[in-house]
Amino acid sequence: MSNRHLSRSIALQSLYEWDFLNSMVFNKNADELSAGKKRTELNRIVEFNVEKLKPGEENEDFTFELVDGICENLKEIDEIIKKAAPEWPLGQIAIVDRNVLRIGIYELIFGSQEKVPPKVAINESIELAKAFGGESSGKFVNGVLGTLYRRTNKDK
């Protein structure tokens, strides 16, 4: 497993835990999740997971870059998911799939395409979905991110 893939896995696991605790246990929505206290909570989760899995200093930075970028753009990312998968209300998308999509959309739309080309971002998201999601997670993520990629690159 490459170090960047491990970093994405740690980011996914951390986002999953944070999302689960806040949406299921504490019944908080995305607007409330990006607030300061919740963000501090997420940083603690990421720090714990990074320490436990030790991806390496450069890739620790990548893990935090992903998580911070997703937090900063969470409302926009979730709106993109709603538009890209209108038949799936955000709350009905499996937590793993929702957070894989958040990672993929962050890398496709908000991240540096020089560091991570769009097709790599999509492929990595599909692999995360296959590894951590359900039987059809990979296809679902591929469909949503592929559609989004085609829409955003139509003019290029």
N, C-alpha and C. Protein backbone atom coordinates (compact mmCIF):
# COMPACT_ATOMS: atom_id res chain seq x y z
N MET A 1 0.85 -1.17 0.00
CA MET A 1 0.00 0.00 0.00
C MET A 1 0.90 1.24 0.00
N SER A 2 0.64 2.14 -0.93
CA SER A 2 1.46 3.36 -0.99
C SER A 2 1.16 4.25 0.21
N ASN A 3 2.11 5.12 0.51
CA ASN A 3 1.94 6.00 1.66
C ASN A 3 0.77 6.96 1.48
N ARG A 4 0.57 7.48 0.27
CA ARG A 4 -0.57 8.38 0.04
C ARG A 4 -1.89 7.62 0.15
N HIS A 5 -1.91 6.38 -0.30
CA HIS A 5 -3.12 5.58 -0.14
C HIS A 5 -3.40 5.34 1.34
N LEU A 6 -2.35 5.06 2.10
CA LEU A 6 -2.51 4.90 3.55
C LEU A 6 -3.02 6.19 4.18
N SER A 7 -2.51 7.33 3.72
CA SER A 7 -2.98 8.62 4.23
C SER A 7 -4.47 8.82 3.93
N ARG A 8 -4.89 8.45 2.74
CA ARG A 8 -6.31 8.55 2.40
C ARG A 8 -7.14 7.61 3.26
N SER A 9 -6.61 6.42 3.51
CA SER A 9 -7.32 5.45 4.36
C SER A 9 -7.48 5.99 5.78
N ILE A 10 -6.44 6.62 6.30
CA ILE A 10 -6.51 7.21 7.63
C ILE A 10 -7.51 8.37 7.64
N ALA A 11 -7.47 9.18 6.60
CA ALA A 11 -8.43 10.29 6.50
C ALA A 11 -9.85 9.74 6.46
N LEU A 12 -10.08 8.71 5.66
CA LEU A 12 -11.40 8.11 5.57
C LEU A 12 -11.86 7.55 6.91
N GLN A 13 -11.00 6.82 7.57
CA GLN A 13 -11.37 6.24 8.86
C GLN A 13 -11.69 7.33 9.88
N SER A 14 -10.92 8.40 9.85
CA SER A 14 -11.14 9.51 10.78
C SER A 14 -12.44 10.24 10.47
N LEU A 15 -12.68 10.51 9.19
CA LEU A 15 -13.92 11.17 8.78
C LEU A 15 -15.13 10.29 9.10
N TYR A 16 -14.99 8.99 8.90
CA TYR A 16 -16.08 8.06 9.22
C TYR A 16 -16.42 8.15 10.70
N GLU A 17 -15.41 8.07 11.54
CA GLU A 17 -15.64 8.10 12.99
C GLU A 17 -16.30 9.42 13.40
N TRP A 18 -15.79 10.51 12.88
CA TRP A 18 -16.31 11.84 13.18
C TRP A 18 -17.75 11.99 12.69
N ASP A 19 -18.00 11.56 11.47
CA ASP A 19 -19.32 11.63 10.88
C ASP A 19 -20.30 10.76 11.67
N PHE A 20 -19.90 9.54 11.99
CA PHE A 20 -20.76 8.63 12.73
C PHE A 20 -21.11 9.21 14.10
N LEU A 21 -20.10 9.64 14.82
CA LEU A 21 -20.35 10.18 16.16
C LEU A 21 -21.27 11.39 16.12
N ASN A 22 -21.06 12.25 15.16
CA ASN A 22 -21.82 13.49 15.13
C ASN A 22 -23.20 13.34 14.50
N SER A 23 -23.32 12.58 13.44
CA SER A 23 -24.63 12.48 12.80
C SER A 23 -25.51 11.43 13.44
N MET A 24 -24.95 10.34 13.88
CA MET A 24 -25.76 9.27 14.45
C MET A 24 -25.94 9.43 15.97
N VAL A 25 -24.83 9.65 16.64
CA VAL A 25 -24.89 9.70 18.10
C VAL A 25 -25.38 11.05 18.60
N PHE A 26 -24.83 12.14 18.05
CA PHE A 26 -25.17 13.47 18.55
C PHE A 26 -26.17 14.20 17.66
N ASN A 27 -26.57 13.56 16.53
CA ASN A 27 -27.58 14.11 15.63
C ASN A 27 -27.24 15.52 15.14
N LYS A 28 -26.00 15.71 14.72
CA LYS A 28 -25.55 17.01 14.18
C LYS A 28 -25.51 16.92 12.67
N ASN A 29 -25.74 18.06 12.00
CA ASN A 29 -25.67 18.07 10.55
C ASN A 29 -24.37 18.69 10.07
N ALA A 30 -24.17 18.72 8.76
CA ALA A 30 -22.91 19.20 8.18
C ALA A 30 -22.60 20.64 8.56
N ASP A 31 -23.63 21.49 8.68
CA ASP A 31 -23.38 22.88 9.06
C ASP A 31 -22.71 22.96 10.42
N GLU A 32 -23.15 22.11 11.32
CA GLU A 32 -22.59 22.13 12.67
C GLU A 32 -21.24 21.41 12.74
N LEU A 33 -21.00 20.48 11.83
CA LEU A 33 -19.78 19.68 11.90
C LEU A 33 -18.52 20.49 11.60
N SER A 34 -18.63 21.53 10.78
CA SER A 34 -17.43 22.28 10.44
C SER A 34 -17.13 23.37 11.46
N ALA A 35 -17.96 23.50 12.48
CA ALA A 35 -17.72 24.49 13.53
C ALA A 35 -16.47 24.12 14.33
N GLY A 36 -15.90 25.12 15.01
CA GLY A 36 -14.62 24.98 15.70
C GLY A 36 -14.50 23.80 16.63
N LYS A 37 -15.45 23.62 17.55
CA LYS A 37 -15.35 22.54 18.53
C LYS A 37 -15.34 21.18 17.84
N LYS A 38 -16.20 21.02 16.86
CA LYS A 38 -16.26 19.74 16.15
C LYS A 38 -14.99 19.51 15.35
N ARG A 39 -14.42 20.60 14.83
CA ARG A 39 -13.18 20.49 14.06
C ARG A 39 -12.03 20.04 14.97
N THR A 40 -12.00 20.57 16.19
CA THR A 40 -10.98 20.15 17.16
C THR A 40 -11.14 18.67 17.47
N GLU A 41 -12.37 18.24 17.61
CA GLU A 41 -12.67 16.83 17.86
C GLU A 41 -12.14 15.97 16.71
N LEU A 42 -12.38 16.41 15.48
CA LEU A 42 -11.88 15.67 14.32
C LEU A 42 -10.36 15.63 14.30
N ASN A 43 -9.71 16.73 14.60
CA ASN A 43 -8.24 16.75 14.63
C ASN A 43 -7.70 15.75 15.65
N ARG A 44 -8.36 15.63 16.79
CA ARG A 44 -7.93 14.64 17.79
C ARG A 44 -8.06 13.22 17.23
N ILE A 45 -9.15 12.97 16.53
CA ILE A 45 -9.37 11.64 15.93
C ILE A 45 -8.27 11.36 14.91
N VAL A 46 -7.97 12.34 14.05
CA VAL A 46 -6.93 12.15 13.03
C VAL A 46 -5.58 11.93 13.69
N GLU A 47 -5.24 12.73 14.67
CA GLU A 47 -3.96 12.57 15.37
C GLU A 47 -3.83 11.17 15.96
N PHE A 48 -4.89 10.69 16.59
CA PHE A 48 -4.87 9.34 17.17
C PHE A 48 -4.64 8.30 16.08
N ASN A 49 -5.39 8.40 14.97
CA ASN A 49 -5.27 7.41 13.90
C ASN A 49 -3.91 7.48 13.20
N VAL A 50 -3.38 8.67 13.02
CA VAL A 50 -2.05 8.82 12.42
C VAL A 50 -1.00 8.19 13.33
N GLU A 51 -1.10 8.47 14.62
CA GLU A 51 -0.13 7.91 15.58
C GLU A 51 -0.20 6.39 15.59
N LYS A 52 -1.42 5.86 15.51
CA LYS A 52 -1.62 4.42 15.55
C LYS A 52 -1.07 3.73 14.30
N LEU A 53 -1.21 4.38 13.14
CA LEU A 53 -0.84 3.72 11.89
C LEU A 53 0.48 4.22 11.28
N LYS A 54 1.02 5.31 11.79
CA LYS A 54 2.34 5.84 11.41
C LYS A 54 2.62 5.86 9.90
N PRO A 55 1.96 6.73 9.12
CA PRO A 55 2.21 6.73 7.69
C PRO A 55 3.50 7.42 7.26
N GLY A 56 4.18 8.13 8.13
CA GLY A 56 5.37 8.89 7.75
C GLY A 56 5.06 10.37 7.72
N GLU A 57 6.04 11.18 8.08
CA GLU A 57 5.80 12.62 8.28
C GLU A 57 5.21 13.32 7.06
N GLU A 58 5.77 13.09 5.87
CA GLU A 58 5.26 13.75 4.67
C GLU A 58 3.80 13.37 4.43
N ASN A 59 3.48 12.10 4.65
CA ASN A 59 2.13 11.64 4.42
C ASN A 59 1.19 11.99 5.55
N GLU A 60 1.72 12.23 6.75
CA GLU A 60 0.88 12.77 7.82
C GLU A 60 0.37 14.13 7.38
N ASP A 61 1.23 14.93 6.77
CA ASP A 61 0.82 16.24 6.26
C ASP A 61 -0.29 16.07 5.23
N PHE A 62 -0.17 15.08 4.37
CA PHE A 62 -1.19 14.85 3.35
C PHE A 62 -2.52 14.45 4.00
N THR A 63 -2.46 13.63 5.03
CA THR A 63 -3.68 13.23 5.74
C THR A 63 -4.38 14.46 6.30
N PHE A 64 -3.62 15.31 6.99
CA PHE A 64 -4.21 16.52 7.58
C PHE A 64 -4.67 17.50 6.50
N GLU A 65 -3.94 17.57 5.39
CA GLU A 65 -4.36 18.44 4.27
C GLU A 65 -5.71 18.00 3.74
N LEU A 66 -5.91 16.71 3.57
CA LEU A 66 -7.19 16.18 3.10
C LEU A 66 -8.31 16.52 4.08
N VAL A 67 -8.10 16.19 5.33
CA VAL A 67 -9.14 16.39 6.34
C VAL A 67 -9.45 17.87 6.51
N ASP A 68 -8.42 18.70 6.59
CA ASP A 68 -8.65 20.15 6.74
C ASP A 68 -9.37 20.72 5.53
N GLY A 69 -8.95 20.29 4.33
CA GLY A 69 -9.59 20.77 3.11
C GLY A 69 -11.05 20.37 3.02
N ILE A 70 -11.33 19.16 3.43
CA ILE A 70 -12.72 18.69 3.43
C ILE A 70 -13.55 19.50 4.43
N CYS A 71 -13.00 19.74 5.61
CA CYS A 71 -13.72 20.53 6.62
C CYS A 71 -14.00 21.95 6.12
N GLU A 72 -13.00 22.55 5.53
CA GLU A 72 -13.15 23.94 5.05
C GLU A 72 -14.18 24.05 3.94
N ASN A 73 -14.36 22.99 3.19
CA ASN A 73 -15.25 23.02 2.03
C ASN A 73 -16.44 22.06 2.18
N LEU A 74 -16.73 21.66 3.40
CA LEU A 74 -17.73 20.61 3.64
C LEU A 74 -19.11 20.96 3.07
N LYS A 75 -19.57 22.16 3.29
CA LYS A 75 -20.91 22.53 2.78
C LYS A 75 -20.95 22.44 1.25
N GLU A 76 -19.92 22.98 0.61
CA GLU A 76 -19.87 22.93 -0.86
C GLU A 76 -19.75 21.50 -1.38
N ILE A 77 -18.91 20.71 -0.72
CA ILE A 77 -18.73 19.32 -1.13
C ILE A 77 -20.04 18.56 -1.01
N ASP A 78 -20.74 18.76 0.11
CA ASP A 78 -22.01 18.06 0.29
C ASP A 78 -23.06 18.52 -0.72
N GLU A 79 -23.04 19.78 -1.10
CA GLU A 79 -23.95 20.27 -2.14
C GLU A 79 -23.63 19.62 -3.48
N ILE A 80 -22.35 19.44 -3.76
CA ILE A 80 -21.93 18.77 -5.00
C ILE A 80 -22.43 17.33 -5.01
N ILE A 81 -22.33 16.65 -3.87
CA ILE A 81 -22.82 15.27 -3.78
C ILE A 81 -24.33 15.25 -4.04
N LYS A 82 -25.06 16.18 -3.43
CA LYS A 82 -26.52 16.22 -3.62
C LYS A 82 -26.89 16.42 -5.09
N LYS A 83 -26.14 17.26 -5.79
CA LYS A 83 -26.42 17.51 -7.21
C LYS A 83 -25.97 16.35 -8.09
N ALA A 84 -24.86 15.72 -7.73
CA ALA A 84 -24.32 14.63 -8.55
C ALA A 84 -25.07 13.32 -8.35
N ALA A 85 -25.72 13.17 -7.19
CA ALA A 85 -26.49 11.95 -6.89
C ALA A 85 -27.85 12.35 -6.34
N PRO A 86 -28.67 13.00 -7.17
CA PRO A 86 -29.94 13.54 -6.67
C PRO A 86 -30.92 12.48 -6.16
N GLU A 87 -30.80 11.27 -6.64
CA GLU A 87 -31.70 10.21 -6.19
C GLU A 87 -31.30 9.63 -4.83
N TRP A 88 -30.16 10.09 -4.31
CA TRP A 88 -29.66 9.62 -3.02
C TRP A 88 -29.54 10.79 -2.05
N PRO A 89 -30.50 10.98 -1.16
CA PRO A 89 -30.35 12.03 -0.14
C PRO A 89 -29.07 11.77 0.66
N LEU A 90 -28.38 12.82 1.00
CA LEU A 90 -27.08 12.71 1.66
C LEU A 90 -27.13 11.82 2.90
N GLY A 91 -28.17 11.96 3.70
CA GLY A 91 -28.30 11.16 4.91
C GLY A 91 -28.56 9.69 4.65
N GLN A 92 -28.96 9.33 3.42
CA GLN A 92 -29.21 7.93 3.09
C GLN A 92 -28.02 7.26 2.42
N ILE A 93 -27.01 8.03 2.08
CA ILE A 93 -25.78 7.45 1.52
C ILE A 93 -25.00 6.85 2.70
N ALA A 94 -24.52 5.64 2.52
CA ALA A 94 -23.75 4.99 3.59
C ALA A 94 -22.61 5.90 4.04
N ILE A 95 -22.31 5.90 5.33
CA ILE A 95 -21.30 6.80 5.87
C ILE A 95 -19.96 6.62 5.18
N VAL A 96 -19.58 5.39 4.90
CA VAL A 96 -18.31 5.15 4.21
C VAL A 96 -18.36 5.80 2.82
N ASP A 97 -19.40 5.52 2.08
CA ASP A 97 -19.51 6.06 0.72
C ASP A 97 -19.54 7.59 0.73
N ARG A 98 -20.27 8.16 1.66
CA ARG A 98 -20.37 9.62 1.77
C ARG A 98 -18.99 10.23 1.99
N ASN A 99 -18.19 9.62 2.84
CA ASN A 99 -16.87 10.17 3.14
C ASN A 99 -15.85 9.86 2.06
N VAL A 100 -16.00 8.74 1.38
CA VAL A 100 -15.15 8.49 0.21
C VAL A 100 -15.44 9.54 -0.85
N LEU A 101 -16.70 9.84 -1.07
CA LEU A 101 -17.07 10.89 -2.03
C LEU A 101 -16.50 12.24 -1.61
N ARG A 102 -16.54 12.54 -0.32
CA ARG A 102 -15.99 13.81 0.16
C ARG A 102 -14.50 13.90 -0.16
N ILE A 103 -13.78 12.81 0.05
CA ILE A 103 -12.35 12.80 -0.26
C ILE A 103 -12.15 12.98 -1.77
N GLY A 104 -12.87 12.21 -2.55
CA GLY A 104 -12.73 12.29 -4.01
C GLY A 104 -13.08 13.65 -4.56
N ILE A 105 -14.17 14.23 -4.09
CA ILE A 105 -14.59 15.55 -4.56
C ILE A 105 -13.61 16.61 -4.11
N TYR A 106 -13.13 16.49 -2.90
CA TYR A 106 -12.12 17.47 -2.46
C TYR A 106 -10.92 17.43 -3.40
N GLU A 107 -10.42 16.23 -3.69
CA GLU A 107 -9.24 16.12 -4.55
C GLU A 107 -9.53 16.54 -5.98
N LEU A 108 -10.73 16.26 -6.48
CA LEU A 108 -11.09 16.64 -7.86
C LEU A 108 -11.31 18.13 -8.02
N ILE A 109 -11.99 18.76 -7.09
CA ILE A 109 -12.44 20.14 -7.24
C ILE A 109 -11.58 21.14 -6.49
N PHE A 110 -11.21 20.82 -5.27
CA PHE A 110 -10.55 21.79 -4.40
C PHE A 110 -9.06 21.55 -4.22
N GLY A 111 -8.60 20.35 -4.48
CA GLY A 111 -7.20 20.00 -4.27
C GLY A 111 -6.34 20.39 -5.46
N SER A 112 -5.06 20.17 -5.31
CA SER A 112 -4.10 20.48 -6.37
C SER A 112 -4.08 19.35 -7.39
N GLN A 113 -4.47 19.67 -8.62
CA GLN A 113 -4.46 18.65 -9.67
C GLN A 113 -3.04 18.35 -10.14
N GLU A 114 -2.10 19.20 -9.77
CA GLU A 114 -0.69 18.91 -10.07
C GLU A 114 -0.18 17.81 -9.15
N LYS A 115 -0.61 17.85 -7.88
CA LYS A 115 -0.19 16.82 -6.93
C LYS A 115 -0.94 15.52 -7.17
N VAL A 116 -2.24 15.65 -7.41
CA VAL A 116 -3.08 14.47 -7.61
C VAL A 116 -3.94 14.69 -8.85
N PRO A 117 -3.56 14.09 -9.97
CA PRO A 117 -4.36 14.22 -11.19
C PRO A 117 -5.77 13.68 -10.97
N PRO A 118 -6.76 14.22 -11.68
CA PRO A 118 -8.16 13.81 -11.47
C PRO A 118 -8.39 12.30 -11.57
N LYS A 119 -7.78 11.66 -12.55
CA LYS A 119 -8.02 10.22 -12.71
C LYS A 119 -7.43 9.42 -11.56
N VAL A 120 -6.35 9.92 -10.97
CA VAL A 120 -5.77 9.26 -9.79
C VAL A 120 -6.72 9.44 -8.60
N ALA A 121 -7.26 10.64 -8.44
CA ALA A 121 -8.20 10.91 -7.35
C ALA A 121 -9.42 10.00 -7.46
N ILE A 122 -9.94 9.84 -8.67
CA ILE A 122 -11.11 8.97 -8.87
C ILE A 122 -10.74 7.52 -8.58
N ASN A 123 -9.62 7.06 -9.12
CA ASN A 123 -9.20 5.68 -8.90
C ASN A 123 -8.97 5.38 -7.41
N GLU A 124 -8.31 6.30 -6.73
CA GLU A 124 -8.06 6.12 -5.30
C GLU A 124 -9.37 6.04 -4.52
N SER A 125 -10.32 6.88 -4.88
CA SER A 125 -11.62 6.86 -4.21
C SER A 125 -12.34 5.54 -4.45
N ILE A 126 -12.28 5.05 -5.67
CA ILE A 126 -12.90 3.76 -5.98
C ILE A 126 -12.27 2.65 -5.16
N GLU A 127 -10.94 2.67 -5.07
CA GLU A 127 -10.24 1.64 -4.28
C GLU A 127 -10.62 1.71 -2.80
N LEU A 128 -10.75 2.93 -2.26
CA LEU A 128 -11.19 3.08 -0.87
C LEU A 128 -12.60 2.53 -0.69
N ALA A 129 -13.47 2.85 -1.64
CA ALA A 129 -14.85 2.36 -1.56
C ALA A 129 -14.90 0.84 -1.60
N LYS A 130 -14.10 0.24 -2.47
CA LYS A 130 -14.07 -1.22 -2.56
C LYS A 130 -13.53 -1.84 -1.27
N ALA A 131 -12.50 -1.21 -0.69
CA ALA A 131 -11.86 -1.76 0.50
C ALA A 131 -12.71 -1.60 1.75
N PHE A 132 -13.40 -0.46 1.88
CA PHE A 132 -14.09 -0.17 3.13
C PHE A 132 -15.61 -0.17 3.02
N GLY A 133 -16.14 -0.09 1.80
CA GLY A 133 -17.58 0.02 1.62
C GLY A 133 -18.25 -1.31 1.36
N GLY A 134 -19.49 -1.21 0.91
CA GLY A 134 -20.28 -2.38 0.61
C GLY A 134 -20.00 -2.92 -0.79
N GLU A 135 -20.79 -3.89 -1.17
CA GLU A 135 -20.59 -4.58 -2.44
C GLU A 135 -20.67 -3.65 -3.65
N SER A 136 -21.56 -2.68 -3.62
CA SER A 136 -21.73 -1.79 -4.77
C SER A 136 -21.10 -0.41 -4.57
N SER A 137 -20.34 -0.24 -3.50
CA SER A 137 -19.74 1.07 -3.20
C SER A 137 -18.81 1.56 -4.30
N GLY A 138 -17.98 0.69 -4.82
CA GLY A 138 -17.03 1.08 -5.86
C GLY A 138 -17.74 1.60 -7.10
N LYS A 139 -18.80 0.92 -7.50
CA LYS A 139 -19.58 1.34 -8.68
C LYS A 139 -20.27 2.67 -8.41
N PHE A 140 -20.83 2.83 -7.22
CA PHE A 140 -21.52 4.07 -6.86
C PHE A 140 -20.55 5.25 -6.89
N VAL A 141 -19.41 5.10 -6.25
CA VAL A 141 -18.40 6.16 -6.20
C VAL A 141 -17.89 6.46 -7.60
N ASN A 142 -17.63 5.42 -8.38
CA ASN A 142 -17.17 5.61 -9.76
C ASN A 142 -18.20 6.39 -10.56
N GLY A 143 -19.47 6.05 -10.42
CA GLY A 143 -20.52 6.73 -11.16
C GLY A 143 -20.62 8.20 -10.80
N VAL A 144 -20.61 8.50 -9.50
CA VAL A 144 -20.74 9.89 -9.06
C VAL A 144 -19.51 10.71 -9.46
N LEU A 145 -18.32 10.21 -9.16
CA LEU A 145 -17.11 10.97 -9.47
C LEU A 145 -16.85 11.05 -10.98
N GLY A 146 -17.17 9.98 -11.70
CA GLY A 146 -17.01 10.00 -13.15
C GLY A 146 -17.92 11.04 -13.79
N THR A 147 -19.16 11.10 -13.34
CA THR A 147 -20.10 12.10 -13.85
C THR A 147 -19.62 13.51 -13.52
N LEU A 148 -19.18 13.69 -12.31
CA LEU A 148 -18.68 15.00 -11.88
C LEU A 148 -17.46 15.41 -12.71
N TYR A 149 -16.56 14.47 -12.94
CA TYR A 149 -15.37 14.76 -13.74
C TYR A 149 -15.74 15.16 -15.17
N ARG A 150 -16.66 14.42 -15.76
CA ARG A 150 -17.09 14.74 -17.14
C ARG A 150 -17.75 16.11 -17.18
N ARG A 151 -18.57 16.44 -16.19
CA ARG A 151 -19.24 17.74 -16.15
C ARG A 151 -18.25 18.89 -15.99
N THR A 152 -17.28 18.73 -15.12
CA THR A 152 -16.33 19.81 -14.83
C THR A 152 -15.29 19.97 -15.94
N ASN A 153 -15.09 18.94 -16.73
CA ASN A 153 -14.09 19.01 -17.78
C ASN A 153 -14.69 19.11 -19.18
N LYS A 154 -15.98 19.36 -19.25
CA LYS A 154 -16.69 19.48 -20.53
C LYS A 154 -16.14 20.63 -21.36
N ASP A 155 -15.80 21.74 -20.70
CA ASP A 155 -15.34 22.93 -21.42
C ASP A 155 -13.85 22.90 -21.74
N LYS A 156 -13.13 21.95 -21.22
CA LYS A 156 -11.67 21.94 -21.38
C LYS A 156 -11.27 21.21 -22.63
